[in-house]
Amino acid sequence: MATTTIKINGMTCDHCVKRVTKEISTIPGVSTVAVDLAAGTATFDSENDIPRDALAAAIDEAGFTLA
């Protein structure tokens, strides 16, 4: 199990947190997701390394960008 933290640009509210959490959770292999609005980060556990392009696509779908 790998734990990864990513920086996300543009989150400003609890709705943003919910969108990001939802989209990261759809990535195959991802289990626990915790988004920190104040820090602008998301931390998640996964069975193996998640490709950056998969993360970028999920964050883009939520309406944000990877830092």
PDB file of N, CA and C in Angstrom:
ATOM      1  N   MET A   1       0.854  -1.174   0.000  1.00  0.00           N
ATOM      2  CA  MET A   1       0.000   0.000   0.000  1.00  0.00           C
ATOM      3  C   MET A   1       0.899   1.236   0.000  1.00  0.00           C
ATOM      4  N   ALA A   2       0.581   2.180  -0.880  1.00  0.00           N
ATOM      5  CA  ALA A   2       1.335   3.426  -0.982  1.00  0.00           C
ATOM      6  C   ALA A   2       0.457   4.591  -0.544  1.00  0.00           C
ATOM      7  N   THR A   3       1.047   5.535   0.183  1.00  0.00           N
ATOM      8  CA  THR A   3       0.352   6.760   0.563  1.00  0.00           C
ATOM      9  C   THR A   3       0.979   7.903  -0.219  1.00  0.00           C
ATOM     10  N   THR A   4       0.125   8.677  -0.883  1.00  0.00           N
ATOM     11  CA  THR A   4       0.581   9.762  -1.745  1.00  0.00           C
ATOM     12  C   THR A   4      -0.114  11.057  -1.358  1.00  0.00           C
ATOM     13  N   THR A   5       0.629  12.155  -1.360  1.00  0.00           N
ATOM     14  CA  THR A   5       0.052  13.480  -1.145  1.00  0.00           C
ATOM     15  C   THR A   5       0.344  14.323  -2.373  1.00  0.00           C
ATOM     16  N   ILE A   6      -0.713  14.975  -2.884  1.00  0.00           N
ATOM     17  CA  ILE A   6      -0.564  15.839  -4.049  1.00  0.00           C
ATOM     18  C   ILE A   6      -1.056  17.244  -3.710  1.00  0.00           C
ATOM     19  N   LYS A   7      -0.506  18.226  -4.366  1.00  0.00           N
ATOM     20  CA  LYS A   7      -0.910  19.627  -4.201  1.00  0.00           C
ATOM     21  C   LYS A   7      -1.883  19.960  -5.325  1.00  0.00           C
ATOM     22  N   ILE A   8      -2.984  20.645  -4.963  1.00  0.00           N
ATOM     23  CA  ILE A   8      -4.038  20.970  -5.917  1.00  0.00           C
ATOM     24  C   ILE A   8      -4.266  22.477  -5.916  1.00  0.00           C
ATOM     25  N   ASN A   9      -4.330  23.055  -7.107  1.00  0.00           N
ATOM     26  CA  ASN A   9      -4.581  24.490  -7.255  1.00  0.00           C
ATOM     27  C   ASN A   9      -6.071  24.770  -7.399  1.00  0.00           C
ATOM     28  N   GLY A  10      -6.555  25.818  -6.724  1.00  0.00           N
ATOM     29  CA  GLY A  10      -7.885  26.334  -6.981  1.00  0.00           C
ATOM     30  C   GLY A  10      -8.992  25.966  -6.021  1.00  0.00           C
ATOM     31  N   MET A  11      -8.738  25.121  -5.035  1.00  0.00           N
ATOM     32  CA  MET A  11      -9.806  24.759  -4.100  1.00  0.00           C
ATOM     33  C   MET A  11     -10.070  25.918  -3.144  1.00  0.00           C
ATOM     34  N   THR A  12     -11.372  26.252  -2.962  1.00  0.00           N
ATOM     35  CA  THR A  12     -11.717  27.388  -2.107  1.00  0.00           C
ATOM     36  C   THR A  12     -12.812  27.095  -1.089  1.00  0.00           C
ATOM     37  N   CYS A  13     -13.463  25.924  -1.176  1.00  0.00           N
ATOM     38  CA  CYS A  13     -14.612  25.685  -0.296  1.00  0.00           C
ATOM     39  C   CYS A  13     -14.815  24.188  -0.048  1.00  0.00           C
ATOM     40  N   ASP A  14     -15.763  23.876   0.824  1.00  0.00           N
ATOM     41  CA  ASP A  14     -16.062  22.475   1.136  1.00  0.00           C
ATOM     42  C   ASP A  14     -16.592  21.720  -0.079  1.00  0.00           C
ATOM     43  N   HIS A  15     -17.308  22.415  -0.955  1.00  0.00           N
ATOM     44  CA  HIS A  15     -17.793  21.767  -2.181  1.00  0.00           C
ATOM     45  C   HIS A  15     -16.605  21.307  -3.031  1.00  0.00           C
ATOM     46  N   CYS A  16     -15.562  22.118  -3.090  1.00  0.00           N
ATOM     47  CA  CYS A  16     -14.342  21.754  -3.814  1.00  0.00           C
ATOM     48  C   CYS A  16     -13.750  20.468  -3.240  1.00  0.00           C
ATOM     49  N   VAL A  17     -13.700  20.392  -1.926  1.00  0.00           N
ATOM     50  CA  VAL A  17     -13.164  19.212  -1.241  1.00  0.00           C
ATOM     51  C   VAL A  17     -13.962  17.973  -1.631  1.00  0.00           C
ATOM     52  N   LYS A  18     -15.277  18.087  -1.642  1.00  0.00           N
ATOM     53  CA  LYS A  18     -16.131  16.948  -1.993  1.00  0.00           C
ATOM     54  C   LYS A  18     -15.911  16.512  -3.429  1.00  0.00           C
ATOM     55  N   ARG A  19     -15.780  17.466  -4.356  1.00  0.00           N
ATOM     56  CA  ARG A  19     -15.559  17.135  -5.770  1.00  0.00           C
ATOM     57  C   ARG A  19     -14.227  16.409  -5.955  1.00  0.00           C
ATOM     58  N   VAL A  20     -13.176  16.937  -5.338  1.00  0.00           N
ATOM     59  CA  VAL A  20     -11.858  16.323  -5.466  1.00  0.00           C
ATOM     60  C   VAL A  20     -11.863  14.926  -4.847  1.00  0.00           C
ATOM     61  N   THR A  21     -12.442  14.792  -3.672  1.00  0.00           N
ATOM     62  CA  THR A  21     -12.524  13.486  -3.011  1.00  0.00           C
ATOM     63  C   THR A  21     -13.246  12.486  -3.901  1.00  0.00           C
ATOM     64  N   LYS A  22     -14.363  12.892  -4.467  1.00  0.00           N
ATOM     65  CA  LYS A  22     -15.150  12.010  -5.337  1.00  0.00           C
ATOM     66  C   LYS A  22     -14.339  11.566  -6.553  1.00  0.00           C
ATOM     67  N   GLU A  23     -13.688  12.500  -7.218  1.00  0.00           N
ATOM     68  CA  GLU A  23     -12.959  12.168  -8.444  1.00  0.00           C
ATOM     69  C   GLU A  23     -11.734  11.297  -8.173  1.00  0.00           C
ATOM     70  N   ILE A  24     -10.979  11.585  -7.117  1.00  0.00           N
ATOM     71  CA  ILE A  24      -9.818  10.744  -6.803  1.00  0.00           C
ATOM     72  C   ILE A  24     -10.281   9.338  -6.432  1.00  0.00           C
ATOM     73  N   SER A  25     -11.413   9.238  -5.750  1.00  0.00           N
ATOM     74  CA  SER A  25     -11.939   7.932  -5.337  1.00  0.00           C
ATOM     75  C   SER A  25     -12.310   7.045  -6.520  1.00  0.00           C
ATOM     76  N   THR A  26     -12.540   7.646  -7.699  1.00  0.00           N
ATOM     77  CA  THR A  26     -12.913   6.847  -8.872  1.00  0.00           C
ATOM     78  C   THR A  26     -11.712   6.191  -9.547  1.00  0.00           C
ATOM     79  N   ILE A  27     -10.505   6.585  -9.171  1.00  0.00           N
ATOM     80  CA  ILE A  27      -9.307   5.999  -9.780  1.00  0.00           C
ATOM     81  C   ILE A  27      -9.141   4.570  -9.264  1.00  0.00           C
ATOM     82  N   PRO A  28      -9.031   3.594 -10.174  1.00  0.00           N
ATOM     83  CA  PRO A  28      -8.859   2.204  -9.737  1.00  0.00           C
ATOM     84  C   PRO A  28      -7.638   2.035  -8.834  1.00  0.00           C
ATOM     85  N   GLY A  29      -7.831   1.328  -7.723  1.00  0.00           N
ATOM     86  CA  GLY A  29      -6.749   1.054  -6.790  1.00  0.00           C
ATOM     87  C   GLY A  29      -6.667   2.023  -5.626  1.00  0.00           C
ATOM     88  N   VAL A  30      -7.387   3.151  -5.713  1.00  0.00           N
ATOM     89  CA  VAL A  30      -7.363   4.144  -4.631  1.00  0.00           C
ATOM     90  C   VAL A  30      -8.359   3.736  -3.561  1.00  0.00           C
ATOM     91  N   SER A  31      -7.932   3.805  -2.293  1.00  0.00           N
ATOM     92  CA  SER A  31      -8.848   3.477  -1.203  1.00  0.00           C
ATOM     93  C   SER A  31      -9.193   4.733  -0.412  1.00  0.00           C
ATOM     94  N   THR A  32      -8.445   5.075   0.586  1.00  0.00           N
ATOM     95  CA  THR A  32      -8.758   6.197   1.460  1.00  0.00           C
ATOM     96  C   THR A  32      -8.317   7.516   0.829  1.00  0.00           C
ATOM     97  N   VAL A  33      -9.198   8.532   0.859  1.00  0.00           N
ATOM     98  CA  VAL A  33      -8.864   9.862   0.336  1.00  0.00           C
ATOM     99  C   VAL A  33      -9.166  10.892   1.417  1.00  0.00           C
ATOM    100  N   ALA A  34      -8.197  11.772   1.689  1.00  0.00           N
ATOM    101  CA  ALA A  34      -8.394  12.874   2.633  1.00  0.00           C
ATOM    102  C   ALA A  34      -7.912  14.152   1.963  1.00  0.00           C
ATOM    103  N   VAL A  35      -8.809  15.139   1.845  1.00  0.00           N
ATOM    104  CA  VAL A  35      -8.468  16.409   1.213  1.00  0.00           C
ATOM    105  C   VAL A  35      -8.391  17.484   2.289  1.00  0.00           C
ATOM    106  N   ASP A  36      -7.309  18.252   2.274  1.00  0.00           N
ATOM    107  CA  ASP A  36      -7.087  19.333   3.237  1.00  0.00           C
ATOM    108  C   ASP A  36      -7.228  20.661   2.502  1.00  0.00           C
ATOM    109  N   LEU A  37      -8.349  21.328   2.710  1.00  0.00           N
ATOM    110  CA  LEU A  37      -8.627  22.590   2.027  1.00  0.00           C
ATOM    111  C   LEU A  37      -7.593  23.655   2.366  1.00  0.00           C
ATOM    112  N   ALA A  38      -7.266  23.806   3.639  1.00  0.00           N
ATOM    113  CA  ALA A  38      -6.326  24.843   4.074  1.00  0.00           C
ATOM    114  C   ALA A  38      -4.945  24.662   3.448  1.00  0.00           C
ATOM    115  N   ALA A  39      -4.498  23.426   3.347  1.00  0.00           N
ATOM    116  CA  ALA A  39      -3.182  23.141   2.778  1.00  0.00           C
ATOM    117  C   ALA A  39      -3.222  23.027   1.258  1.00  0.00           C
ATOM    118  N   GLY A  40      -4.418  22.823   0.698  1.00  0.00           N
ATOM    119  CA  GLY A  40      -4.547  22.635  -0.742  1.00  0.00           C
ATOM    120  C   GLY A  40      -3.968  21.316  -1.203  1.00  0.00           C
ATOM    121  N   THR A  41      -4.160  20.275  -0.378  1.00  0.00           N
ATOM    122  CA  THR A  41      -3.599  18.967  -0.704  1.00  0.00           C
ATOM    123  C   THR A  41      -4.646  17.867  -0.627  1.00  0.00           C
ATOM    124  N   ALA A  42      -4.313  16.763  -1.260  1.00  0.00           N
ATOM    125  CA  ALA A  42      -5.096  15.540  -1.128  1.00  0.00           C
ATOM    126  C   ALA A  42      -4.116  14.417  -0.831  1.00  0.00           C
ATOM    127  N   THR A  43      -4.447  13.599   0.141  1.00  0.00           N
ATOM    128  CA  THR A  43      -3.639  12.442   0.506  1.00  0.00           C
ATOM    129  C   THR A  43      -4.505  11.212   0.332  1.00  0.00           C
ATOM    130  N   PHE A  44      -3.944  10.194  -0.305  1.00  0.00           N
ATOM    131  CA  PHE A  44      -4.726   8.986  -0.545  1.00  0.00           C
ATOM    132  C   PHE A  44      -3.848   7.752  -0.473  1.00  0.00           C
ATOM    133  N   ASP A  45      -4.480   6.640  -0.160  1.00  0.00           N
ATOM    134  CA  ASP A  45      -3.816   5.341  -0.154  1.00  0.00           C
ATOM    135  C   ASP A  45      -4.189   4.625  -1.441  1.00  0.00           C
ATOM    136  N   SER A  46      -3.236   3.884  -1.985  1.00  0.00           N
ATOM    137  CA  SER A  46      -3.502   3.119  -3.199  1.00  0.00           C
ATOM    138  C   SER A  46      -2.734   1.806  -3.159  1.00  0.00           C
ATOM    139  N   GLU A  47      -3.235   0.852  -3.928  1.00  0.00           N
ATOM    140  CA  GLU A  47      -2.606  -0.468  -3.979  1.00  0.00           C
ATOM    141  C   GLU A  47      -1.224  -0.392  -4.618  1.00  0.00           C
ATOM    142  N   ASN A  48      -1.053   0.536  -5.558  1.00  0.00           N
ATOM    143  CA  ASN A  48       0.235   0.736  -6.217  1.00  0.00           C
ATOM    144  C   ASN A  48       0.326   2.192  -6.661  1.00  0.00           C
ATOM    145  N   ASP A  49       1.434   2.562  -7.277  1.00  0.00           N
ATOM    146  CA  ASP A  49       1.603   3.946  -7.715  1.00  0.00           C
ATOM    147  C   ASP A  49       0.569   4.298  -8.777  1.00  0.00           C
ATOM    148  N   ILE A  50      -0.025   5.471  -8.641  1.00  0.00           N
ATOM    149  CA  ILE A  50      -1.009   5.959  -9.598  1.00  0.00           C
ATOM    150  C   ILE A  50      -0.278   6.888 -10.572  1.00  0.00           C
ATOM    151  N   PRO A  51      -0.417   6.643 -11.878  1.00  0.00           N
ATOM    152  CA  PRO A  51       0.255   7.515 -12.850  1.00  0.00           C
ATOM    153  C   PRO A  51      -0.198   8.974 -12.719  1.00  0.00           C
ATOM    154  N   ARG A  52       0.734   9.901 -12.898  1.00  0.00           N
ATOM    155  CA  ARG A  52       0.425  11.325 -12.772  1.00  0.00           C
ATOM    156  C   ARG A  52      -0.679  11.750 -13.737  1.00  0.00           C
ATOM    157  N   ASP A  53      -0.705  11.175 -14.948  1.00  0.00           N
ATOM    158  CA  ASP A  53      -1.746  11.571 -15.902  1.00  0.00           C
ATOM    159  C   ASP A  53      -3.132  11.152 -15.429  1.00  0.00           C
ATOM    160  N   ALA A  54      -3.239  10.036 -14.714  1.00  0.00           N
ATOM    161  CA  ALA A  54      -4.531   9.611 -14.156  1.00  0.00           C
ATOM    162  C   ALA A  54      -4.965  10.571 -13.052  1.00  0.00           C
ATOM    163  N   LEU A  55      -4.013  10.995 -12.230  1.00  0.00           N
ATOM    164  CA  LEU A  55      -4.319  11.974 -11.179  1.00  0.00           C
ATOM    165  C   LEU A  55      -4.731  13.309 -11.790  1.00  0.00           C
ATOM    166  N   ALA A  56      -3.978  13.754 -12.789  1.00  0.00           N
ATOM    167  CA  ALA A  56      -4.285  15.030 -13.437  1.00  0.00           C
ATOM    168  C   ALA A  56      -5.668  14.999 -14.073  1.00  0.00           C
ATOM    169  N   ALA A  57      -6.026  13.875 -14.694  1.00  0.00           N
ATOM    170  CA  ALA A  57      -7.345  13.751 -15.324  1.00  0.00           C
ATOM    171  C   ALA A  57      -8.459  13.817 -14.284  1.00  0.00           C
ATOM    172  N   ALA A  58      -8.276  13.155 -13.154  1.00  0.00           N
ATOM    173  CA  ALA A  58      -9.291  13.166 -12.096  1.00  0.00           C
ATOM    174  C   ALA A  58      -9.439  14.565 -11.500  1.00  0.00           C
ATOM    175  N   ILE A  59      -8.319  15.230 -11.260  1.00  0.00           N
ATOM    176  CA  ILE A  59      -8.357  16.579 -10.697  1.00  0.00           C
ATOM    177  C   ILE A  59      -8.976  17.549 -11.701  1.00  0.00           C
ATOM    178  N   ASP A  60      -8.650  17.376 -12.978  1.00  0.00           N
ATOM    179  CA  ASP A  60      -9.238  18.208 -14.031  1.00  0.00           C
ATOM    180  C   ASP A  60     -10.752  18.007 -14.099  1.00  0.00           C
ATOM    181  N   GLU A  61     -11.189  16.769 -13.970  1.00  0.00           N
ATOM    182  CA  GLU A  61     -12.625  16.460 -13.987  1.00  0.00           C
ATOM    183  C   GLU A  61     -13.344  17.162 -12.832  1.00  0.00           C
ATOM    184  N   ALA A  62     -12.646  17.330 -11.726  1.00  0.00           N
ATOM    185  CA  ALA A  62     -13.221  18.032 -10.572  1.00  0.00           C
ATOM    186  C   ALA A  62     -13.191  19.550 -10.762  1.00  0.00           C
ATOM    187  N   GLY A  63     -12.451  20.022 -11.779  1.00  0.00           N
ATOM    188  CA  GLY A  63     -12.403  21.451 -12.066  1.00  0.00           C
ATOM    189  C   GLY A  63     -11.173  22.169 -11.548  1.00  0.00           C
ATOM    190  N   PHE A  64     -10.118  21.402 -11.244  1.00  0.00           N
ATOM    191  CA  PHE A  64      -8.912  21.982 -10.662  1.00  0.00           C
ATOM    192  C   PHE A  64      -7.684  21.478 -11.405  1.00  0.00           C
ATOM    193  N   THR A  65      -6.499  21.903 -10.976  1.00  0.00           N
ATOM    194  CA  THR A  65      -5.260  21.449 -11.591  1.00  0.00           C
ATOM    195  C   THR A  65      -4.278  20.992 -10.521  1.00  0.00           C
ATOM    196  N   LEU A  66      -3.403  20.075 -10.911  1.00  0.00           N
ATOM    197  CA  LEU A  66      -2.309  19.674 -10.023  1.00  0.00           C
ATOM    198  C   LEU A  66      -1.298  20.806  -9.973  1.00  0.00           C
ATOM    199  N   ALA A  67      -0.719  21.002  -8.811  1.00  0.00           N
ATOM    200  CA  ALA A  67       0.298  22.053  -8.666  1.00  0.00           C
ATOM    201  C   ALA A  67       1.630  21.546  -9.175  1.00  0.00           C
TER     202      ALA A  67
END
